[in-house]
Amino acid sequence: GLLTVNAPEVAEGVRLAWMATQHGRDDPTALCYAALPLS
């Protein structure tokens, strides 16, 4: 409940999740933590 739908951290979180998939393609930790924010 600390962020609204339109909070800047929401869009930034999505960008960071995609960065994780790009730089951690073979890193299960990076992919695991990126998956839920994408959803």
PDB file of all heavy atoms in Angstrom:
ATOM      1  N   GLY A   1       0.788  -1.228   0.000  1.00  0.00           N
ATOM      2  CA  GLY A   1       0.000   0.000   0.000  1.00  0.00           C
ATOM      3  C   GLY A   1       0.816   1.272   0.000  1.00  0.00           C
ATOM      4  O   GLY A   1       0.262   2.360   0.180  1.00  0.00           O
ATOM      5  N   LEU A   2       2.131   1.170  -0.231  1.00  0.00           N
ATOM      6  CA  LEU A   2       2.982   2.361  -0.218  1.00  0.00           C
ATOM      7  C   LEU A   2       3.038   3.059  -1.569  1.00  0.00           C
ATOM      8  O   LEU A   2       3.512   4.197  -1.654  1.00  0.00           O
ATOM      9  CB  LEU A   2       4.402   1.990   0.219  1.00  0.00           C
ATOM     10  CG  LEU A   2       4.561   1.431   1.635  1.00  0.00           C
ATOM     11  CD1 LEU A   2       6.032   1.172   1.938  1.00  0.00           C
ATOM     12  CD2 LEU A   2       3.965   2.378   2.663  1.00  0.00           C
ATOM     13  N   LEU A   3       2.589   2.397  -2.635  1.00  0.00           N
ATOM     14  CA  LEU A   3       2.634   2.977  -3.975  1.00  0.00           C
ATOM     15  C   LEU A   3       1.249   2.959  -4.606  1.00  0.00           C
ATOM     16  O   LEU A   3       0.501   2.003  -4.446  1.00  0.00           O
ATOM     17  CB  LEU A   3       3.592   2.193  -4.880  1.00  0.00           C
ATOM     18  CG  LEU A   3       5.059   2.086  -4.469  1.00  0.00           C
ATOM     19  CD1 LEU A   3       5.817   1.245  -5.490  1.00  0.00           C
ATOM     20  CD2 LEU A   3       5.692   3.466  -4.348  1.00  0.00           C
ATOM     21  N   THR A   4       0.920   4.006  -5.323  1.00  0.00           N
ATOM     22  CA  THR A   4      -0.295   4.014  -6.125  1.00  0.00           C
ATOM     23  C   THR A   4       0.015   3.401  -7.488  1.00  0.00           C
ATOM     24  O   THR A   4       1.170   3.150  -7.836  1.00  0.00           O
ATOM     25  CB  THR A   4      -0.798   5.451  -6.330  1.00  0.00           C
ATOM     26  OG1 THR A   4       0.195   6.192  -7.079  1.00  0.00           O
ATOM     27  CG2 THR A   4      -1.025   6.142  -4.992  1.00  0.00           C
ATOM     28  N   VAL A   5      -1.035   3.171  -8.271  1.00  0.00           N
ATOM     29  CA  VAL A   5      -0.849   2.563  -9.590  1.00  0.00           C
ATOM     30  C   VAL A   5       0.056   3.414 -10.467  1.00  0.00           C
ATOM     31  O   VAL A   5       0.856   2.887 -11.252  1.00  0.00           O
ATOM     32  CB  VAL A   5      -2.219   2.360 -10.267  1.00  0.00           C
ATOM     33  CG1 VAL A   5      -2.045   1.865 -11.695  1.00  0.00           C
ATOM     34  CG2 VAL A   5      -3.069   1.388  -9.472  1.00  0.00           C
ATOM     35  N   ASN A   6      -0.048   4.725 -10.326  1.00  0.00           N
ATOM     36  CA  ASN A   6       0.696   5.636 -11.200  1.00  0.00           C
ATOM     37  C   ASN A   6       1.998   6.149 -10.585  1.00  0.00           C
ATOM     38  O   ASN A   6       2.617   7.047 -11.143  1.00  0.00           O
ATOM     39  CB  ASN A   6      -0.196   6.835 -11.564  1.00  0.00           C
ATOM     40  CG  ASN A   6      -1.443   6.411 -12.325  1.00  0.00           C
ATOM     41  OD1 ASN A   6      -1.367   5.571 -13.226  1.00  0.00           O
ATOM     42  ND2 ASN A   6      -2.581   6.976 -11.971  1.00  0.00           N
ATOM     43  N   ALA A   7       2.408   5.570  -9.472  1.00  0.00           N
ATOM     44  CA  ALA A   7       3.661   6.007  -8.849  1.00  0.00           C
ATOM     45  C   ALA A   7       4.836   5.755  -9.793  1.00  0.00           C
ATOM     46  O   ALA A   7       4.862   4.753 -10.515  1.00  0.00           O
ATOM     47  CB  ALA A   7       3.876   5.270  -7.529  1.00  0.00           C
ATOM     48  N   PRO A   8       5.833   6.664  -9.810  1.00  0.00           N
ATOM     49  CA  PRO A   8       6.985   6.485 -10.710  1.00  0.00           C
ATOM     50  C   PRO A   8       7.698   5.157 -10.497  1.00  0.00           C
ATOM     51  O   PRO A   8       8.208   4.564 -11.460  1.00  0.00           O
ATOM     52  CB  PRO A   8       7.892   7.664 -10.344  1.00  0.00           C
ATOM     53  CG  PRO A   8       6.998   8.681  -9.725  1.00  0.00           C
ATOM     54  CD  PRO A   8       5.917   7.916  -9.037  1.00  0.00           C
ATOM     55  N   GLU A   9       7.711   4.656  -9.252  1.00  0.00           N
ATOM     56  CA  GLU A   9       8.409   3.400  -8.976  1.00  0.00           C
ATOM     57  C   GLU A   9       7.758   2.197  -9.661  1.00  0.00           C
ATOM     58  O   GLU A   9       8.408   1.167  -9.862  1.00  0.00           O
ATOM     59  CB  GLU A   9       8.470   3.148  -7.469  1.00  0.00           C
ATOM     60  CG  GLU A   9       9.332   4.117  -6.698  1.00  0.00           C
ATOM     61  CD  GLU A   9       8.544   5.302  -6.176  1.00  0.00           C
ATOM     62  OE1 GLU A   9       7.431   5.566  -6.710  1.00  0.00           O
ATOM     63  OE2 GLU A   9       9.023   5.949  -5.224  1.00  0.00           O
ATOM     64  N   VAL A  10       6.468   2.340 -10.024  1.00  0.00           N
ATOM     65  CA  VAL A  10       5.779   1.230 -10.683  1.00  0.00           C
ATOM     66  C   VAL A  10       6.338   1.028 -12.089  1.00  0.00           C
ATOM     67  O   VAL A  10       6.758  -0.076 -12.471  1.00  0.00           O
ATOM     68  CB  VAL A  10       4.263   1.469 -10.718  1.00  0.00           C
ATOM     69  CG1 VAL A  10       3.567   0.420 -11.585  1.00  0.00           C
ATOM     70  CG2 VAL A  10       3.690   1.440  -9.300  1.00  0.00           C
ATOM     71  N   ALA A  11       6.349   2.090 -12.870  1.00  0.00           N
ATOM     72  CA  ALA A  11       6.909   1.992 -14.228  1.00  0.00           C
ATOM     73  C   ALA A  11       8.390   1.656 -14.181  1.00  0.00           C
ATOM     74  O   ALA A  11       8.886   0.870 -15.003  1.00  0.00           O
ATOM     75  CB  ALA A  11       6.686   3.300 -14.977  1.00  0.00           C
ATOM     76  N   GLU A  12       9.111   2.228 -13.232  1.00  0.00           N
ATOM     77  CA  GLU A  12      10.542   1.944 -13.105  1.00  0.00           C
ATOM     78  C   GLU A  12      10.761   0.487 -12.712  1.00  0.00           C
ATOM     79  O   GLU A  12      11.711  -0.157 -13.179  1.00  0.00           O
ATOM     80  CB  GLU A  12      11.166   2.865 -12.066  1.00  0.00           C
ATOM     81  CG  GLU A  12      12.653   2.655 -11.821  1.00  0.00           C
ATOM     82  CD  GLU A  12      13.524   2.948 -13.032  1.00  0.00           C
ATOM     83  OE1 GLU A  12      12.998   3.413 -14.071  1.00  0.00           O
ATOM     84  OE2 GLU A  12      14.743   2.698 -12.947  1.00  0.00           O
ATOM     85  N   GLY A  13       9.882  -0.053 -11.883  1.00  0.00           N
ATOM     86  CA  GLY A  13      10.000  -1.453 -11.499  1.00  0.00           C
ATOM     87  C   GLY A  13       9.856  -2.386 -12.690  1.00  0.00           C
ATOM     88  O   GLY A  13      10.570  -3.395 -12.790  1.00  0.00           O
ATOM     89  N   VAL A  14       8.942  -2.072 -13.601  1.00  0.00           N
ATOM     90  CA  VAL A  14       8.778  -2.878 -14.810  1.00  0.00           C
ATOM     91  C   VAL A  14      10.043  -2.813 -15.664  1.00  0.00           C
ATOM     92  O   VAL A  14      10.531  -3.830 -16.170  1.00  0.00           O
ATOM     93  CB  VAL A  14       7.557  -2.404 -15.613  1.00  0.00           C
ATOM     94  CG1 VAL A  14       7.454  -3.170 -16.937  1.00  0.00           C
ATOM     95  CG2 VAL A  14       6.278  -2.583 -14.804  1.00  0.00           C
ATOM     96  N   ARG A  15      10.597  -1.613 -15.808  1.00  0.00           N
ATOM     97  CA  ARG A  15      11.829  -1.465 -16.590  1.00  0.00           C
ATOM     98  C   ARG A  15      12.966  -2.278 -15.971  1.00  0.00           C
ATOM     99  O   ARG A  15      13.724  -2.970 -16.676  1.00  0.00           O
ATOM    100  CB  ARG A  15      12.231   0.008 -16.663  1.00  0.00           C
ATOM    101  CG  ARG A  15      13.423   0.280 -17.599  1.00  0.00           C
ATOM    102  CD  ARG A  15      13.886   1.717 -17.501  1.00  0.00           C
ATOM    103  NE  ARG A  15      14.606   1.968 -16.254  1.00  0.00           N
ATOM    104  CZ  ARG A  15      15.908   1.689 -16.084  1.00  0.00           C
ATOM    105  NH1 ARG A  15      16.622   1.167 -17.071  1.00  0.00           N
ATOM    106  NH2 ARG A  15      16.489   1.956 -14.937  1.00  0.00           N
ATOM    107  N   LEU A  16      13.080  -2.221 -14.653  1.00  0.00           N
ATOM    108  CA  LEU A  16      14.131  -2.961 -13.966  1.00  0.00           C
ATOM    109  C   LEU A  16      13.949  -4.469 -14.131  1.00  0.00           C
ATOM    110  O   LEU A  16      14.923  -5.222 -14.251  1.00  0.00           O
ATOM    111  CB  LEU A  16      14.142  -2.585 -12.483  1.00  0.00           C
ATOM    112  CG  LEU A  16      14.599  -1.166 -12.155  1.00  0.00           C
ATOM    113  CD1 LEU A  16      14.258  -0.817 -10.713  1.00  0.00           C
ATOM    114  CD2 LEU A  16      16.089  -1.011 -12.408  1.00  0.00           C
ATOM    115  N   ALA A  17      12.692  -4.925 -14.107  1.00  0.00           N
ATOM    116  CA  ALA A  17      12.441  -6.350 -14.289  1.00  0.00           C
ATOM    117  C   ALA A  17      12.919  -6.819 -15.660  1.00  0.00           C
ATOM    118  O   ALA A  17      13.531  -7.890 -15.796  1.00  0.00           O
ATOM    119  CB  ALA A  17      10.951  -6.648 -14.112  1.00  0.00           C
ATOM    120  N   TRP A  18      12.639  -6.030 -16.698  1.00  0.00           N
ATOM    121  CA  TRP A  18      13.120  -6.393 -18.031  1.00  0.00           C
ATOM    122  C   TRP A  18      14.643  -6.337 -18.103  1.00  0.00           C
ATOM    123  O   TRP A  18      15.271  -7.156 -18.793  1.00  0.00           O
ATOM    124  CB  TRP A  18      12.495  -5.493 -19.091  1.00  0.00           C
ATOM    125  CG  TRP A  18      11.059  -5.812 -19.390  1.00  0.00           C
ATOM    126  CD1 TRP A  18       9.974  -5.004 -19.230  1.00  0.00           C
ATOM    127  CD2 TRP A  18      10.554  -7.049 -19.904  1.00  0.00           C
ATOM    128  NE1 TRP A  18       8.821  -5.640 -19.595  1.00  0.00           N
ATOM    129  CE2 TRP A  18       9.152  -6.912 -20.020  1.00  0.00           C
ATOM    130  CE3 TRP A  18      11.138  -8.258 -20.264  1.00  0.00           C
ATOM    131  CZ2 TRP A  18       8.333  -7.936 -20.488  1.00  0.00           C
ATOM    132  CZ3 TRP A  18      10.327  -9.286 -20.739  1.00  0.00           C
ATOM    133  CH2 TRP A  18       8.948  -9.125 -20.846  1.00  0.00           C
ATOM    134  N   MET A  19      15.259  -5.401 -17.397  1.00  0.00           N
ATOM    135  CA  MET A  19      16.724  -5.341 -17.341  1.00  0.00           C
ATOM    136  C   MET A  19      17.275  -6.615 -16.710  1.00  0.00           C
ATOM    137  O   MET A  19      18.314  -7.142 -17.129  1.00  0.00           O
ATOM    138  CB  MET A  19      17.170  -4.117 -16.548  1.00  0.00           C
ATOM    139  CG  MET A  19      16.900  -2.782 -17.222  1.00  0.00           C
ATOM    140  SD  MET A  19      17.987  -2.485 -18.619  1.00  0.00           S
ATOM    141  CE  MET A  19      19.516  -2.096 -17.761  1.00  0.00           C
ATOM    142  N   ALA A  20      16.582  -7.114 -15.702  1.00  0.00           N
ATOM    143  CA  ALA A  20      17.015  -8.347 -15.041  1.00  0.00           C
ATOM    144  C   ALA A  20      16.977  -9.521 -16.009  1.00  0.00           C
ATOM    145  O   ALA A  20      17.888 -10.363 -16.022  1.00  0.00           O
ATOM    146  CB  ALA A  20      16.131  -8.630 -13.830  1.00  0.00           C
ATOM    147  N   THR A  21      15.935  -9.603 -16.829  1.00  0.00           N
ATOM    148  CA  THR A  21      15.860 -10.700 -17.795  1.00  0.00           C
ATOM    149  C   THR A  21      16.924 -10.565 -18.870  1.00  0.00           C
ATOM    150  O   THR A  21      17.400 -11.571 -19.416  1.00  0.00           O
ATOM    151  CB  THR A  21      14.477 -10.768 -18.454  1.00  0.00           C
ATOM    152  OG1 THR A  21      14.257  -9.596 -19.254  1.00  0.00           O
ATOM    153  CG2 THR A  21      13.382 -10.870 -17.404  1.00  0.00           C
ATOM    154  N   GLN A  22      17.319  -9.347 -19.176  1.00  0.00           N
ATOM    155  CA  GLN A  22      18.343  -9.119 -20.193  1.00  0.00           C
ATOM    156  C   GLN A  22      19.727  -9.497 -19.680  1.00  0.00           C
ATOM    157  O   GLN A  22      20.489 -10.194 -20.359  1.00  0.00           O
ATOM    158  CB  GLN A  22      18.326  -7.649 -20.630  1.00  0.00           C
ATOM    159  CG  GLN A  22      19.429  -7.282 -21.615  1.00  0.00           C
ATOM    160  CD  GLN A  22      19.446  -5.796 -21.929  1.00  0.00           C
ATOM    161  OE1 GLN A  22      18.471  -5.081 -21.690  1.00  0.00           O
ATOM    162  NE2 GLN A  22      20.557  -5.320 -22.476  1.00  0.00           N
ATOM    163  N   HIS A  23      20.053  -9.047 -18.469  1.00  0.00           N
ATOM    164  CA  HIS A  23      21.396  -9.266 -17.928  1.00  0.00           C
ATOM    165  C   HIS A  23      21.503 -10.550 -17.099  1.00  0.00           C
ATOM    166  O   HIS A  23      22.620 -10.941 -16.750  1.00  0.00           O
ATOM    167  CB  HIS A  23      21.819  -8.075 -17.070  1.00  0.00           C
ATOM    168  CG  HIS A  23      21.991  -6.810 -17.859  1.00  0.00           C
ATOM    169  ND1 HIS A  23      22.933  -6.670 -18.843  1.00  0.00           N
ATOM    170  CD2 HIS A  23      21.311  -5.628 -17.808  1.00  0.00           C
ATOM    171  CE1 HIS A  23      22.852  -5.456 -19.375  1.00  0.00           C
ATOM    172  NE2 HIS A  23      21.870  -4.807 -18.769  1.00  0.00           N
ATOM    173  N   GLY A  24      20.390 -11.171 -16.801  1.00  0.00           N
ATOM    174  CA  GLY A  24      20.410 -12.397 -16.000  1.00  0.00           C
ATOM    175  C   GLY A  24      19.678 -13.535 -16.674  1.00  0.00           C
ATOM    176  O   GLY A  24      18.999 -14.318 -16.003  1.00  0.00           O
ATOM    177  N   ARG A  25      19.834 -13.643 -17.975  1.00  0.00           N
ATOM    178  CA  ARG A  25      19.087 -14.649 -18.731  1.00  0.00           C
ATOM    179  C   ARG A  25      19.317 -16.054 -18.190  1.00  0.00           C
ATOM    180  O   ARG A  25      18.406 -16.886 -18.187  1.00  0.00           O
ATOM    181  CB  ARG A  25      19.481 -14.578 -20.210  1.00  0.00           C
ATOM    182  CG  ARG A  25      18.854 -15.686 -21.046  1.00  0.00           C
ATOM    183  CD  ARG A  25      19.099 -15.530 -22.523  1.00  0.00           C
ATOM    184  NE  ARG A  25      18.611 -16.686 -23.264  1.00  0.00           N
ATOM    185  CZ  ARG A  25      17.342 -16.945 -23.510  1.00  0.00           C
ATOM    186  NH1 ARG A  25      16.406 -16.110 -23.082  1.00  0.00           N
ATOM    187  NH2 ARG A  25      16.983 -18.026 -24.174  1.00  0.00           N
ATOM    188  N   ASP A  26      20.534 -16.344 -17.734  1.00  0.00           N
ATOM    189  CA  ASP A  26      20.860 -17.669 -17.210  1.00  0.00           C
ATOM    190  C   ASP A  26      21.038 -17.671 -15.697  1.00  0.00           C
ATOM    191  O   ASP A  26      21.617 -18.598 -15.138  1.00  0.00           O
ATOM    192  CB  ASP A  26      22.122 -18.204 -17.888  1.00  0.00           C
ATOM    193  CG  ASP A  26      21.929 -18.417 -19.374  1.00  0.00           C
ATOM    194  OD1 ASP A  26      20.866 -18.963 -19.751  1.00  0.00           O
ATOM    195  OD2 ASP A  26      22.807 -18.030 -20.156  1.00  0.00           O
ATOM    196  N   ASP A  27      20.548 -16.633 -15.049  1.00  0.00           N
ATOM    197  CA  ASP A  27      20.636 -16.506 -13.591  1.00  0.00           C
ATOM    198  C   ASP A  27      19.243 -16.731 -13.008  1.00  0.00           C
ATOM    199  O   ASP A  27      18.372 -15.864 -13.116  1.00  0.00           O
ATOM    200  CB  ASP A  27      21.147 -15.118 -13.223  1.00  0.00           C
ATOM    201  CG  ASP A  27      21.236 -14.902 -11.717  1.00  0.00           C
ATOM    202  OD1 ASP A  27      20.819 -15.802 -10.961  1.00  0.00           O
ATOM    203  OD2 ASP A  27      21.714 -13.833 -11.307  1.00  0.00           O
ATOM    204  N   PRO A  28      18.990 -17.890 -12.384  1.00  0.00           N
ATOM    205  CA  PRO A  28      17.647 -18.156 -11.867  1.00  0.00           C
ATOM    206  C   PRO A  28      17.206 -17.155 -10.812  1.00  0.00           C
ATOM    207  O   PRO A  28      16.012 -16.878 -10.671  1.00  0.00           O
ATOM    208  CB  PRO A  28      17.756 -19.571 -11.293  1.00  0.00           C
ATOM    209  CG  PRO A  28      19.214 -19.825 -11.116  1.00  0.00           C
ATOM    210  CD  PRO A  28      19.912 -19.021 -12.156  1.00  0.00           C
ATOM    211  N   THR A  29      18.158 -16.601 -10.035  1.00  0.00           N
ATOM    212  CA  THR A  29      17.783 -15.601  -9.031  1.00  0.00           C
ATOM    213  C   THR A  29      17.248 -14.337  -9.694  1.00  0.00           C
ATOM    214  O   THR A  29      16.201 -13.804  -9.307  1.00  0.00           O
ATOM    215  CB  THR A  29      18.994 -15.260  -8.149  1.00  0.00           C
ATOM    216  OG1 THR A  29      19.441 -16.437  -7.480  1.00  0.00           O
ATOM    217  CG2 THR A  29      18.629 -14.199  -7.116  1.00  0.00           C
ATOM    218  N   ALA A  30      17.947 -13.848 -10.715  1.00  0.00           N
ATOM    219  CA  ALA A  30      17.497 -12.645 -11.428  1.00  0.00           C
ATOM    220  C   ALA A  30      16.126 -12.866 -12.045  1.00  0.00           C
ATOM    221  O   ALA A  30      15.223 -12.023 -11.943  1.00  0.00           O
ATOM    222  CB  ALA A  30      18.519 -12.263 -12.499  1.00  0.00           C
ATOM    223  N   LEU A  31      15.935 -14.020 -12.693  1.00  0.00           N
ATOM    224  CA  LEU A  31      14.664 -14.306 -13.360  1.00  0.00           C
ATOM    225  C   LEU A  31      13.534 -14.494 -12.353  1.00  0.00           C
ATOM    226  O   LEU A  31      12.407 -14.029 -12.576  1.00  0.00           O
ATOM    227  CB  LEU A  31      14.813 -15.555 -14.215  1.00  0.00           C
ATOM    228  CG  LEU A  31      15.833 -15.473 -15.354  1.00  0.00           C
ATOM    229  CD1 LEU A  31      15.954 -16.818 -16.053  1.00  0.00           C
ATOM    230  CD2 LEU A  31      15.459 -14.387 -16.348  1.00  0.00           C
ATOM    231  N   CYS A  32      13.839 -15.159 -11.249  1.00  0.00           N
ATOM    232  CA  CYS A  32      12.816 -15.413 -10.228  1.00  0.00           C
ATOM    233  C   CYS A  32      12.249 -14.106  -9.688  1.00  0.00           C
ATOM    234  O   CYS A  32      11.032 -13.930  -9.600  1.00  0.00           O
ATOM    235  CB  CYS A  32      13.426 -16.241  -9.105  1.00  0.00           C
ATOM    236  SG  CYS A  32      12.304 -16.539  -7.726  1.00  0.00           S
ATOM    237  N   TYR A  33      13.138 -13.177  -9.359  1.00  0.00           N
ATOM    238  CA  TYR A  33      12.669 -11.934  -8.759  1.00  0.00           C
ATOM    239  C   TYR A  33      12.106 -10.960  -9.787  1.00  0.00           C
ATOM    240  O   TYR A  33      11.383 -10.032  -9.435  1.00  0.00           O
ATOM    241  CB  TYR A  33      13.800 -11.287  -7.968  1.00  0.00           C
ATOM    242  CG  TYR A  33      14.034 -11.966  -6.635  1.00  0.00           C
ATOM    243  CD1 TYR A  33      15.129 -12.812  -6.445  1.00  0.00           C
ATOM    244  CD2 TYR A  33      13.157 -11.783  -5.587  1.00  0.00           C
ATOM    245  CE1 TYR A  33      15.332 -13.453  -5.234  1.00  0.00           C
ATOM    246  CE2 TYR A  33      13.344 -12.412  -4.372  1.00  0.00           C
ATOM    247  CZ  TYR A  33      14.435 -13.254  -4.200  1.00  0.00           C
ATOM    248  OH  TYR A  33      14.632 -13.893  -3.000  1.00  0.00           O
ATOM    249  N   ALA A  34      12.404 -11.169 -11.077  1.00  0.00           N
ATOM    250  CA  ALA A  34      11.850 -10.297 -12.117  1.00  0.00           C
ATOM    251  C   ALA A  34      10.433 -10.705 -12.494  1.00  0.00           C
ATOM    252  O   ALA A  34       9.633  -9.867 -12.928  1.00  0.00           O
ATOM    253  CB  ALA A  34      12.741 -10.329 -13.354  1.00  0.00           C
ATOM    254  N   ALA A  35      10.105 -11.986 -12.337  1.00  0.00           N
ATOM    255  CA  ALA A  35       8.843 -12.510 -12.865  1.00  0.00           C
ATOM    256  C   ALA A  35       7.614 -11.884 -12.213  1.00  0.00           C
ATOM    257  O   ALA A  35       6.672 -11.477 -12.900  1.00  0.00           O
ATOM    258  CB  ALA A  35       8.812 -14.030 -12.706  1.00  0.00           C
ATOM    259  N   LEU A  36       7.600 -11.810 -10.876  1.00  0.00           N
ATOM    260  CA  LEU A  36       6.413 -11.301 -10.198  1.00  0.00           C
ATOM    261  C   LEU A  36       6.165  -9.811 -10.485  1.00  0.00           C
ATOM    262  O   LEU A  36       5.009  -9.424 -10.710  1.00  0.00           O
ATOM    263  CB  LEU A  36       6.513 -11.561  -8.690  1.00  0.00           C
ATOM    264  CG  LEU A  36       5.189 -11.652  -7.928  1.00  0.00           C
ATOM    265  CD1 LEU A  36       4.254 -12.677  -8.560  1.00  0.00           C
ATOM    266  CD2 LEU A  36       5.435 -12.001  -6.465  1.00  0.00           C
ATOM    267  N   PRO A  37       7.201  -8.960 -10.509  1.00  0.00           N
ATOM    268  CA  PRO A  37       6.951  -7.562 -10.894  1.00  0.00           C
ATOM    269  C   PRO A  37       6.379  -7.416 -12.301  1.00  0.00           C
ATOM    270  O   PRO A  37       5.580  -6.508 -12.549  1.00  0.00           O
ATOM    271  CB  PRO A  37       8.342  -6.920 -10.789  1.00  0.00           C
ATOM    272  CG  PRO A  37       9.083  -7.753  -9.822  1.00  0.00           C
ATOM    273  CD  PRO A  37       8.576  -9.146 -10.025  1.00  0.00           C
ATOM    274  N   LEU A  38       6.791  -8.277 -13.238  1.00  0.00           N
ATOM    275  CA  LEU A  38       6.213  -8.204 -14.578  1.00  0.00           C
ATOM    276  C   LEU A  38       4.711  -8.446 -14.518  1.00  0.00           C
ATOM    277  O   LEU A  38       3.937  -7.838 -15.273  1.00  0.00           O
ATOM    278  CB  LEU A  38       6.880  -9.223 -15.495  1.00  0.00           C
ATOM    279  CG  LEU A  38       8.332  -8.933 -15.873  1.00  0.00           C
ATOM    280  CD1 LEU A  38       8.911 -10.077 -16.691  1.00  0.00           C
ATOM    281  CD2 LEU A  38       8.441  -7.626 -16.646  1.00  0.00           C
ATOM    282  N   SER A  39       4.283  -9.319 -13.619  1.00  0.00           N
ATOM    283  CA  SER A  39       2.848  -9.598 -13.461  1.00  0.00           C
ATOM    284  C   SER A  39       2.135  -8.502 -12.679  1.00  0.00           C
ATOM    285  O   SER A  39       1.095  -7.997 -13.103  1.00  0.00           O
ATOM    286  CB  SER A  39       2.657 -10.945 -12.749  1.00  0.00           C
ATOM    287  OG  SER A  39       3.179 -12.010 -13.499  1.00  0.00           O
TER     288      SER A  39
END
